Amino acid sequence: MTTIKILSDEKGASDIIRSAILAEIKRLEIGLKKTETEIKEFEKKYKVSSDVFLARLGAEDLNGRDEEYVQWEGELKVRQRILEDLKKLQEIEYVSG
């Protein structure tokens, strides 16, 4: 868990920072939803899970070849990064100082 302690002479500074972090969480959640939709489209099209895709399929197995392979793999990497960032932001504990 990350603890954030904000010391400021400005009233409301901590509220502004907290709001900015909450806005980033919302932005990441929207991005995650879009990424999940893209991943599900690939899984539906090829009737395999992303785990099977990563473990067993190569570009030659996809209709779009390299382009689709890179897109699918890219969406999986984006999803992982978003999930990691979301976890970090959602675990922030705010303390008054």
PDB file of N, CA and C in Angstrom:
ATOM      1  N   MET A   1       0.840  -1.173   0.000  1.00  0.00           N
ATOM      2  CA  MET A   1       0.000   0.000   0.000  1.00  0.00           C
ATOM      3  C   MET A   1       0.886   1.238   0.000  1.00  0.00           C
ATOM      4  N   THR A   2       0.432   2.252  -0.699  1.00  0.00           N
ATOM      5  CA  THR A   2       1.115   3.526  -0.754  1.00  0.00           C
ATOM      6  C   THR A   2       0.376   4.522   0.117  1.00  0.00           C
ATOM      7  N   THR A   3       1.112   5.230   0.932  1.00  0.00           N
ATOM      8  CA  THR A   3       0.519   6.260   1.768  1.00  0.00           C
ATOM      9  C   THR A   3       0.968   7.612   1.249  1.00  0.00           C
ATOM     10  N   ILE A   4       0.000   8.495   1.069  1.00  0.00           N
ATOM     11  CA  ILE A   4       0.312   9.850   0.613  1.00  0.00           C
ATOM     12  C   ILE A   4      -0.058  10.827   1.715  1.00  0.00           C
ATOM     13  N   LYS A   5       0.917  11.621   2.099  1.00  0.00           N
ATOM     14  CA  LYS A   5       0.694  12.675   3.088  1.00  0.00           C
ATOM     15  C   LYS A   5       0.953  13.996   2.385  1.00  0.00           C
ATOM     16  N   ILE A   6      -0.063  14.837   2.355  1.00  0.00           N
ATOM     17  CA  ILE A   6       0.049  16.111   1.654  1.00  0.00           C
ATOM     18  C   ILE A   6       0.085  17.229   2.679  1.00  0.00           C
ATOM     19  N   LEU A   7       1.149  18.005   2.631  1.00  0.00           N
ATOM     20  CA  LEU A   7       1.279  19.166   3.491  1.00  0.00           C
ATOM     21  C   LEU A   7       1.255  20.395   2.598  1.00  0.00           C
ATOM     22  N   SER A   8       0.313  21.284   2.861  1.00  0.00           N
ATOM     23  CA  SER A   8       0.187  22.469   2.022  1.00  0.00           C
ATOM     24  C   SER A   8      -0.390  23.616   2.830  1.00  0.00           C
ATOM     25  N   ASP A   9       0.059  24.806   2.508  1.00  0.00           N
ATOM     26  CA  ASP A   9      -0.521  26.007   3.099  1.00  0.00           C
ATOM     27  C   ASP A   9      -1.820  26.388   2.400  1.00  0.00           C
ATOM     28  N   GLU A  10      -2.064  25.798   1.254  1.00  0.00           N
ATOM     29  CA  GLU A  10      -3.260  26.081   0.467  1.00  0.00           C
ATOM     30  C   GLU A  10      -4.415  25.202   0.938  1.00  0.00           C
ATOM     31  N   LYS A  11      -5.535  25.835   1.270  1.00  0.00           N
ATOM     32  CA  LYS A  11      -6.719  25.061   1.631  1.00  0.00           C
ATOM     33  C   LYS A  11      -7.229  24.339   0.392  1.00  0.00           C
ATOM     34  N   GLY A  12      -7.603  23.108   0.589  1.00  0.00           N
ATOM     35  CA  GLY A  12      -8.178  22.324  -0.495  1.00  0.00           C
ATOM     36  C   GLY A  12      -7.178  21.666  -1.407  1.00  0.00           C
ATOM     37  N   ALA A  13      -5.896  21.864  -1.182  1.00  0.00           N
ATOM     38  CA  ALA A  13      -4.887  21.256  -2.054  1.00  0.00           C
ATOM     39  C   ALA A  13      -4.991  19.733  -2.032  1.00  0.00           C
ATOM     40  N   SER A  14      -5.199  19.168  -0.867  1.00  0.00           N
ATOM     41  CA  SER A  14      -5.304  17.707  -0.783  1.00  0.00           C
ATOM     42  C   SER A  14      -6.540  17.207  -1.512  1.00  0.00           C
ATOM     43  N   ASP A  15      -7.626  17.987  -1.466  1.00  0.00           N
ATOM     44  CA  ASP A  15      -8.839  17.597  -2.188  1.00  0.00           C
ATOM     45  C   ASP A  15      -8.611  17.613  -3.697  1.00  0.00           C
ATOM     46  N   ILE A  16      -7.856  18.595  -4.162  1.00  0.00           N
ATOM     47  CA  ILE A  16      -7.555  18.681  -5.593  1.00  0.00           C
ATOM     48  C   ILE A  16      -6.722  17.482  -6.031  1.00  0.00           C
ATOM     49  N   ILE A  17      -5.734  17.136  -5.239  1.00  0.00           N
ATOM     50  CA  ILE A  17      -4.870  16.003  -5.575  1.00  0.00           C
ATOM     51  C   ILE A  17      -5.660  14.704  -5.535  1.00  0.00           C
ATOM     52  N   ARG A  18      -6.485  14.532  -4.530  1.00  0.00           N
ATOM     53  CA  ARG A  18      -7.318  13.332  -4.431  1.00  0.00           C
ATOM     54  C   ARG A  18      -8.266  13.247  -5.629  1.00  0.00           C
ATOM     55  N   SER A  19      -8.857  14.369  -6.024  1.00  0.00           N
ATOM     56  CA  SER A  19      -9.756  14.395  -7.180  1.00  0.00           C
ATOM     57  C   SER A  19      -9.012  14.029  -8.467  1.00  0.00           C
ATOM     58  N   ALA A  20      -7.791  14.506  -8.585  1.00  0.00           N
ATOM     59  CA  ALA A  20      -6.998  14.183  -9.769  1.00  0.00           C
ATOM     60  C   ALA A  20      -6.694  12.691  -9.834  1.00  0.00           C
ATOM     61  N   ILE A  21      -6.394  12.107  -8.699  1.00  0.00           N
ATOM     62  CA  ILE A  21      -6.120  10.671  -8.661  1.00  0.00           C
ATOM     63  C   ILE A  21      -7.386   9.888  -8.980  1.00  0.00           C
ATOM     64  N   LEU A  22      -8.514  10.315  -8.445  1.00  0.00           N
ATOM     65  CA  LEU A  22      -9.788   9.647  -8.743  1.00  0.00           C
ATOM     66  C   LEU A  22     -10.148   9.781 -10.224  1.00  0.00           C
ATOM     67  N   ALA A  23      -9.842  10.919 -10.815  1.00  0.00           N
ATOM     68  CA  ALA A  23     -10.092  11.112 -12.248  1.00  0.00           C
ATOM     69  C   ALA A  23      -9.208  10.173 -13.073  1.00  0.00           C
ATOM     70  N   GLU A  24      -7.975   9.998 -12.653  1.00  0.00           N
ATOM     71  CA  GLU A  24      -7.073   9.077 -13.358  1.00  0.00           C
ATOM     72  C   GLU A  24      -7.578   7.640 -13.220  1.00  0.00           C
ATOM     73  N   ILE A  25      -8.072   7.286 -12.061  1.00  0.00           N
ATOM     74  CA  ILE A  25      -8.648   5.946 -11.878  1.00  0.00           C
ATOM     75  C   ILE A  25      -9.804   5.747 -12.848  1.00  0.00           C
ATOM     76  N   LYS A  26     -10.676   6.735 -12.964  1.00  0.00           N
ATOM     77  CA  LYS A  26     -11.822   6.643 -13.876  1.00  0.00           C
ATOM     78  C   LYS A  26     -11.349   6.518 -15.310  1.00  0.00           C
ATOM     79  N   ARG A  27     -10.351   7.302 -15.690  1.00  0.00           N
ATOM     80  CA  ARG A  27      -9.804   7.233 -17.050  1.00  0.00           C
ATOM     81  C   ARG A  27      -9.236   5.848 -17.342  1.00  0.00           C
ATOM     82  N   LEU A  28      -8.520   5.293 -16.368  1.00  0.00           N
ATOM     83  CA  LEU A  28      -7.964   3.952 -16.541  1.00  0.00           C
ATOM     84  C   LEU A  28      -9.060   2.896 -16.647  1.00  0.00           C
ATOM     85  N   GLU A  29     -10.121   3.050 -15.868  1.00  0.00           N
ATOM     86  CA  GLU A  29     -11.241   2.104 -15.927  1.00  0.00           C
ATOM     87  C   GLU A  29     -11.916   2.134 -17.296  1.00  0.00           C
ATOM     88  N   ILE A  30     -12.049   3.325 -17.872  1.00  0.00           N
ATOM     89  CA  ILE A  30     -12.624   3.453 -19.210  1.00  0.00           C
ATOM     90  C   ILE A  30     -11.711   2.777 -20.236  1.00  0.00           C
ATOM     91  N   GLY A  31     -10.411   3.007 -20.111  1.00  0.00           N
ATOM     92  CA  GLY A  31      -9.440   2.367 -20.997  1.00  0.00           C
ATOM     93  C   GLY A  31      -9.454   0.861 -20.859  1.00  0.00           C
ATOM     94  N   LEU A  32      -9.603   0.382 -19.634  1.00  0.00           N
ATOM     95  CA  LEU A  32      -9.651  -1.062 -19.388  1.00  0.00           C
ATOM     96  C   LEU A  32     -10.874  -1.676 -20.065  1.00  0.00           C
ATOM     97  N   LYS A  33     -11.997  -0.999 -19.967  1.00  0.00           N
ATOM     98  CA  LYS A  33     -13.219  -1.504 -20.591  1.00  0.00           C
ATOM     99  C   LYS A  33     -13.042  -1.612 -22.108  1.00  0.00           C
ATOM    100  N   LYS A  34     -12.446  -0.588 -22.709  1.00  0.00           N
ATOM    101  CA  LYS A  34     -12.198  -0.608 -24.157  1.00  0.00           C
ATOM    102  C   LYS A  34     -11.243  -1.743 -24.530  1.00  0.00           C
ATOM    103  N   THR A  35     -10.191  -1.896 -23.764  1.00  0.00           N
ATOM    104  CA  THR A  35      -9.213  -2.951 -24.022  1.00  0.00           C
ATOM    105  C   THR A  35      -9.841  -4.332 -23.869  1.00  0.00           C
ATOM    106  N   GLU A  36     -10.649  -4.503 -22.832  1.00  0.00           N
ATOM    107  CA  GLU A  36     -11.332  -5.788 -22.618  1.00  0.00           C
ATOM    108  C   GLU A  36     -12.241  -6.124 -23.803  1.00  0.00           C
ATOM    109  N   THR A  37     -12.918  -5.114 -24.338  1.00  0.00           N
ATOM    110  CA  THR A  37     -13.793  -5.331 -25.496  1.00  0.00           C
ATOM    111  C   THR A  37     -12.981  -5.813 -26.694  1.00  0.00           C
ATOM    112  N   GLU A  38     -11.840  -5.180 -26.925  1.00  0.00           N
ATOM    113  CA  GLU A  38     -10.976  -5.582 -28.044  1.00  0.00           C
ATOM    114  C   GLU A  38     -10.484  -7.016 -27.861  1.00  0.00           C
ATOM    115  N   ILE A  39     -10.077  -7.355 -26.658  1.00  0.00           N
ATOM    116  CA  ILE A  39      -9.580  -8.705 -26.378  1.00  0.00           C
ATOM    117  C   ILE A  39     -10.693  -9.730 -26.593  1.00  0.00           C
ATOM    118  N   LYS A  40     -11.885  -9.434 -26.116  1.00  0.00           N
ATOM    119  CA  LYS A  40     -13.013 -10.363 -26.281  1.00  0.00           C
ATOM    120  C   LYS A  40     -13.362 -10.572 -27.743  1.00  0.00           C
ATOM    121  N   GLU A  41     -13.201  -9.532 -28.555  1.00  0.00           N
ATOM    122  CA  GLU A  41     -13.453  -9.674 -29.991  1.00  0.00           C
ATOM    123  C   GLU A  41     -12.479 -10.675 -30.616  1.00  0.00           C
ATOM    124  N   PHE A  42     -11.210 -10.584 -30.257  1.00  0.00           N
ATOM    125  CA  PHE A  42     -10.232 -11.551 -30.760  1.00  0.00           C
ATOM    126  C   PHE A  42     -10.557 -12.956 -30.266  1.00  0.00           C
ATOM    127  N   GLU A  43     -10.881 -13.090 -29.000  1.00  0.00           N
ATOM    128  CA  GLU A  43     -11.210 -14.412 -28.438  1.00  0.00           C
ATOM    129  C   GLU A  43     -12.434 -15.007 -29.126  1.00  0.00           C
ATOM    130  N   LYS A  44     -13.416 -14.172 -29.397  1.00  0.00           N
ATOM    131  CA  LYS A  44     -14.632 -14.628 -30.077  1.00  0.00           C
ATOM    132  C   LYS A  44     -14.318 -15.033 -31.517  1.00  0.00           C
ATOM    133  N   LYS A  45     -13.551 -14.215 -32.201  1.00  0.00           N
ATOM    134  CA  LYS A  45     -13.219 -14.480 -33.596  1.00  0.00           C
ATOM    135  C   LYS A  45     -12.471 -15.798 -33.760  1.00  0.00           C
ATOM    136  N   TYR A  46     -11.525 -16.061 -32.861  1.00  0.00           N
ATOM    137  CA  TYR A  46     -10.689 -17.255 -32.991  1.00  0.00           C
ATOM    138  C   TYR A  46     -11.106 -18.392 -32.062  1.00  0.00           C
ATOM    139  N   LYS A  47     -12.147 -18.144 -31.272  1.00  0.00           N
ATOM    140  CA  LYS A  47     -12.712 -19.160 -30.375  1.00  0.00           C
ATOM    141  C   LYS A  47     -11.657 -19.782 -29.451  1.00  0.00           C
ATOM    142  N   VAL A  48     -10.766 -18.914 -28.958  1.00  0.00           N
ATOM    143  CA  VAL A  48      -9.758 -19.344 -27.978  1.00  0.00           C
ATOM    144  C   VAL A  48      -9.572 -18.229 -26.957  1.00  0.00           C
ATOM    145  N   SER A  49      -9.164 -18.616 -25.767  1.00  0.00           N
ATOM    146  CA  SER A  49      -8.864 -17.616 -24.739  1.00  0.00           C
ATOM    147  C   SER A  49      -7.538 -16.939 -25.068  1.00  0.00           C
ATOM    148  N   SER A  50      -7.319 -15.830 -24.446  1.00  0.00           N
ATOM    149  CA  SER A  50      -6.042 -15.129 -24.647  1.00  0.00           C
ATOM    150  C   SER A  50      -4.880 -15.949 -24.113  1.00  0.00           C
ATOM    151  N   ASP A  51      -5.109 -16.739 -23.072  1.00  0.00           N
ATOM    152  CA  ASP A  51      -4.045 -17.610 -22.551  1.00  0.00           C
ATOM    153  C   ASP A  51      -3.619 -18.628 -23.601  1.00  0.00           C
ATOM    154  N   VAL A  52      -4.598 -19.216 -24.285  1.00  0.00           N
ATOM    155  CA  VAL A  52      -4.290 -20.173 -25.355  1.00  0.00           C
ATOM    156  C   VAL A  52      -3.589 -19.449 -26.500  1.00  0.00           C
ATOM    157  N   PHE A  53      -4.072 -18.278 -26.834  1.00  0.00           N
ATOM    158  CA  PHE A  53      -3.426 -17.477 -27.878  1.00  0.00           C
ATOM    159  C   PHE A  53      -1.948 -17.296 -27.586  1.00  0.00           C
ATOM    160  N   LEU A  54      -1.639 -16.862 -26.379  1.00  0.00           N
ATOM    161  CA  LEU A  54      -0.236 -16.605 -26.028  1.00  0.00           C
ATOM    162  C   LEU A  54       0.600 -17.877 -26.001  1.00  0.00           C
ATOM    163  N   ALA A  55      -0.007 -18.967 -25.547  1.00  0.00           N
ATOM    164  CA  ALA A  55       0.746 -20.213 -25.382  1.00  0.00           C
ATOM    165  C   ALA A  55       0.910 -21.002 -26.681  1.00  0.00           C
ATOM    166  N   ARG A  56      -0.084 -20.923 -27.570  1.00  0.00           N
ATOM    167  CA  ARG A  56      -0.085 -21.857 -28.694  1.00  0.00           C
ATOM    168  C   ARG A  56      -0.142 -21.256 -30.089  1.00  0.00           C
ATOM    169  N   LEU A  57      -0.623 -20.048 -30.216  1.00  0.00           N
ATOM    170  CA  LEU A  57      -0.826 -19.513 -31.562  1.00  0.00           C
ATOM    171  C   LEU A  57       0.312 -18.589 -31.981  1.00  0.00           C
ATOM    172  N   GLY A  58       0.548 -18.588 -33.255  1.00  0.00           N
ATOM    173  CA  GLY A  58       1.517 -17.672 -33.837  1.00  0.00           C
ATOM    174  C   GLY A  58       0.819 -16.834 -34.894  1.00  0.00           C
ATOM    175  N   ALA A  59       1.521 -15.898 -35.453  1.00  0.00           N
ATOM    176  CA  ALA A  59       0.937 -15.011 -36.455  1.00  0.00           C
ATOM    177  C   ALA A  59       0.366 -15.794 -37.630  1.00  0.00           C
ATOM    178  N   GLU A  60       0.991 -16.910 -37.970  1.00  0.00           N
ATOM    179  CA  GLU A  60       0.530 -17.716 -39.102  1.00  0.00           C
ATOM    180  C   GLU A  60      -0.835 -18.362 -38.853  1.00  0.00           C
ATOM    181  N   ASP A  61      -1.256 -18.410 -37.587  1.00  0.00           N
ATOM    182  CA  ASP A  61      -2.547 -18.999 -37.239  1.00  0.00           C
ATOM    183  C   ASP A  61      -3.703 -18.006 -37.330  1.00  0.00           C
ATOM    184  N   LEU A  62      -3.402 -16.746 -37.527  1.00  0.00           N
ATOM    185  CA  LEU A  62      -4.434 -15.714 -37.541  1.00  0.00           C
ATOM    186  C   LEU A  62      -4.699 -15.250 -38.971  1.00  0.00           C
ATOM    187  N   ASN A  63      -5.954 -14.889 -39.235  1.00  0.00           N
ATOM    188  CA  ASN A  63      -6.327 -14.412 -40.565  1.00  0.00           C
ATOM    189  C   ASN A  63      -5.555 -13.164 -40.959  1.00  0.00           C
ATOM    190  N   GLY A  64      -5.375 -12.263 -39.999  1.00  0.00           N
ATOM    191  CA  GLY A  64      -4.669 -11.015 -40.262  1.00  0.00           C
ATOM    192  C   GLY A  64      -3.167 -11.115 -40.104  1.00  0.00           C
ATOM    193  N   ARG A  65      -2.690 -12.321 -39.855  1.00  0.00           N
ATOM    194  CA  ARG A  65      -1.259 -12.597 -39.688  1.00  0.00           C
ATOM    195  C   ARG A  65      -0.599 -11.682 -38.654  1.00  0.00           C
ATOM    196  N   ASP A  66       0.521 -11.099 -39.025  1.00  0.00           N
ATOM    197  CA  ASP A  66       1.323 -10.304 -38.088  1.00  0.00           C
ATOM    198  C   ASP A  66       0.540  -9.152 -37.471  1.00  0.00           C
ATOM    199  N   GLU A  67      -0.263  -8.473 -38.277  1.00  0.00           N
ATOM    200  CA  GLU A  67      -0.987  -7.305 -37.794  1.00  0.00           C
ATOM    201  C   GLU A  67      -1.940  -7.673 -36.647  1.00  0.00           C
ATOM    202  N   GLU A  68      -2.721  -8.729 -36.839  1.00  0.00           N
ATOM    203  CA  GLU A  68      -3.652  -9.141 -35.780  1.00  0.00           C
ATOM    204  C   GLU A  68      -2.917  -9.687 -34.566  1.00  0.00           C
ATOM    205  N   TYR A  69      -1.840 -10.411 -34.820  1.00  0.00           N
ATOM    206  CA  TYR A  69      -1.063 -10.955 -33.699  1.00  0.00           C
ATOM    207  C   TYR A  69      -0.535  -9.825 -32.823  1.00  0.00           C
ATOM    208  N   VAL A  70       0.031  -8.814 -33.453  1.00  0.00           N
ATOM    209  CA  VAL A  70       0.589  -7.675 -32.727  1.00  0.00           C
ATOM    210  C   VAL A  70      -0.523  -6.911 -32.001  1.00  0.00           C
ATOM    211  N   GLN A  71      -1.668  -6.753 -32.670  1.00  0.00           N
ATOM    212  CA  GLN A  71      -2.786  -6.044 -32.033  1.00  0.00           C
ATOM    213  C   GLN A  71      -3.285  -6.788 -30.798  1.00  0.00           C
ATOM    214  N   TRP A  72      -3.489  -8.087 -30.928  1.00  0.00           N
ATOM    215  CA  TRP A  72      -4.004  -8.883 -29.805  1.00  0.00           C
ATOM    216  C   TRP A  72      -3.007  -8.879 -28.658  1.00  0.00           C
ATOM    217  N   GLU A  73      -1.775  -9.176 -28.972  1.00  0.00           N
ATOM    218  CA  GLU A  73      -0.739  -9.180 -27.934  1.00  0.00           C
ATOM    219  C   GLU A  73      -0.598  -7.796 -27.301  1.00  0.00           C
ATOM    220  N   GLY A  74      -0.700  -6.755 -28.120  1.00  0.00           N
ATOM    221  CA  GLY A  74      -0.612  -5.385 -27.608  1.00  0.00           C
ATOM    222  C   GLY A  74      -1.745  -5.065 -26.643  1.00  0.00           C
ATOM    223  N   GLU A  75      -2.955  -5.479 -26.978  1.00  0.00           N
ATOM    224  CA  GLU A  75      -4.097  -5.250 -26.084  1.00  0.00           C
ATOM    225  C   GLU A  75      -3.888  -5.965 -24.753  1.00  0.00           C
ATOM    226  N   LEU A  76      -3.324  -7.150 -24.790  1.00  0.00           N
ATOM    227  CA  LEU A  76      -3.062  -7.888 -23.545  1.00  0.00           C
ATOM    228  C   LEU A  76      -2.026  -7.167 -22.685  1.00  0.00           C
ATOM    229  N   LYS A  77      -1.018  -6.602 -23.327  1.00  0.00           N
ATOM    230  CA  LYS A  77       0.003  -5.856 -22.584  1.00  0.00           C
ATOM    231  C   LYS A  77      -0.576  -4.568 -22.007  1.00  0.00           C
ATOM    232  N   VAL A  78      -1.409  -3.894 -22.795  1.00  0.00           N
ATOM    233  CA  VAL A  78      -2.054  -2.671 -22.316  1.00  0.00           C
ATOM    234  C   VAL A  78      -2.937  -2.994 -21.115  1.00  0.00           C
ATOM    235  N   ARG A  79      -3.704  -4.080 -21.214  1.00  0.00           N
ATOM    236  CA  ARG A  79      -4.567  -4.473 -20.096  1.00  0.00           C
ATOM    237  C   ARG A  79      -3.749  -4.712 -18.830  1.00  0.00           C
ATOM    238  N   GLN A  80      -2.628  -5.392 -18.969  1.00  0.00           N
ATOM    239  CA  GLN A  80      -1.795  -5.681 -17.801  1.00  0.00           C
ATOM    240  C   GLN A  80      -1.264  -4.396 -17.169  1.00  0.00           C
ATOM    241  N   ARG A  81      -0.810  -3.466 -17.999  1.00  0.00           N
ATOM    242  CA  ARG A  81      -0.308  -2.192 -17.474  1.00  0.00           C
ATOM    243  C   ARG A  81      -1.413  -1.404 -16.773  1.00  0.00           C
ATOM    244  N   ILE A  82      -2.599  -1.377 -17.386  1.00  0.00           N
ATOM    245  CA  ILE A  82      -3.720  -0.662 -16.780  1.00  0.00           C
ATOM    246  C   ILE A  82      -4.070  -1.280 -15.430  1.00  0.00           C
ATOM    247  N   LEU A  83      -4.127  -2.601 -15.373  1.00  0.00           N
ATOM    248  CA  LEU A  83      -4.458  -3.269 -14.114  1.00  0.00           C
ATOM    249  C   LEU A  83      -3.429  -2.968 -13.029  1.00  0.00           C
ATOM    250  N   GLU A  84      -2.165  -2.945 -13.397  1.00  0.00           N
ATOM    251  CA  GLU A  84      -1.109  -2.626 -12.435  1.00  0.00           C
ATOM    252  C   GLU A  84      -1.244  -1.192 -11.931  1.00  0.00           C
ATOM    253  N   ASP A  85      -1.481  -0.259 -12.854  1.00  0.00           N
ATOM    254  CA  ASP A  85      -1.637   1.146 -12.460  1.00  0.00           C
ATOM    255  C   ASP A  85      -2.876   1.348 -11.601  1.00  0.00           C
ATOM    256  N   LEU A  86      -3.971   0.715 -11.989  1.00  0.00           N
ATOM    257  CA  LEU A  86      -5.197   0.818 -11.195  1.00  0.00           C
ATOM    258  C   LEU A  86      -4.991   0.315  -9.776  1.00  0.00           C
ATOM    259  N   LYS A  87      -4.313  -0.813  -9.659  1.00  0.00           N
ATOM    260  CA  LYS A  87      -4.068  -1.390  -8.338  1.00  0.00           C
ATOM    261  C   LYS A  87      -3.294  -0.413  -7.462  1.00  0.00           C
ATOM    262  N   LYS A  88      -2.253   0.175  -8.033  1.00  0.00           N
ATOM    263  CA  LYS A  88      -1.442   1.128  -7.274  1.00  0.00           C
ATOM    264  C   LYS A  88      -2.265   2.331  -6.825  1.00  0.00           C
ATOM    265  N   LEU A  89      -3.053   2.878  -7.738  1.00  0.00           N
ATOM    266  CA  LEU A  89      -3.840   4.064  -7.402  1.00  0.00           C
ATOM    267  C   LEU A  89      -4.962   3.747  -6.424  1.00  0.00           C
ATOM    268  N   GLN A  90      -5.593   2.598  -6.583  1.00  0.00           N
ATOM    269  CA  GLN A  90      -6.704   2.240  -5.707  1.00  0.00           C
ATOM    270  C   GLN A  90      -6.242   1.886  -4.294  1.00  0.00           C
ATOM    271  N   GLU A  91      -4.985   1.539  -4.144  1.00  0.00           N
ATOM    272  CA  GLU A  91      -4.455   1.186  -2.833  1.00  0.00           C
ATOM    273  C   GLU A  91      -3.910   2.386  -2.059  1.00  0.00           C
ATOM    274  N   ILE A  92      -3.958   3.552  -2.652  1.00  0.00           N
ATOM    275  CA  ILE A  92      -3.419   4.735  -1.981  1.00  0.00           C
ATOM    276  C   ILE A  92      -4.230   5.028  -0.724  1.00  0.00           C
ATOM    277  N   GLU A  93      -3.503   5.269   0.338  1.00  0.00           N
ATOM    278  CA  GLU A  93      -4.119   5.681   1.605  1.00  0.00           C
ATOM    279  C   GLU A  93      -3.747   7.139   1.825  1.00  0.00           C
ATOM    280  N   TYR A  94      -4.737   7.936   2.126  1.00  0.00           N
ATOM    281  CA  TYR A  94      -4.511   9.360   2.344  1.00  0.00           C
ATOM    282  C   TYR A  94      -4.505   9.626   3.854  1.00  0.00           C
ATOM    283  N   VAL A  95      -3.534  10.398   4.289  1.00  0.00           N
ATOM    284  CA  VAL A  95      -3.475  10.765   5.711  1.00  0.00           C
ATOM    285  C   VAL A  95      -3.376  12.280   5.804  1.00  0.00           C
ATOM    286  N   SER A  96      -3.944  12.803   6.852  1.00  0.00           N
ATOM    287  CA  SER A  96      -3.879  14.250   7.090  1.00  0.00           C
ATOM    288  C   SER A  96      -2.602  14.586   7.836  1.00  0.00           C
ATOM    289  N   GLY A  97      -2.098  15.756   7.567  1.00  0.00           N
ATOM    290  CA  GLY A  97      -0.843  16.107   8.207  1.00  0.00           C
ATOM    291  C   GLY A  97      -0.881  17.357   8.958  1.00  0.00           C
TER     292      GLY A  97
END
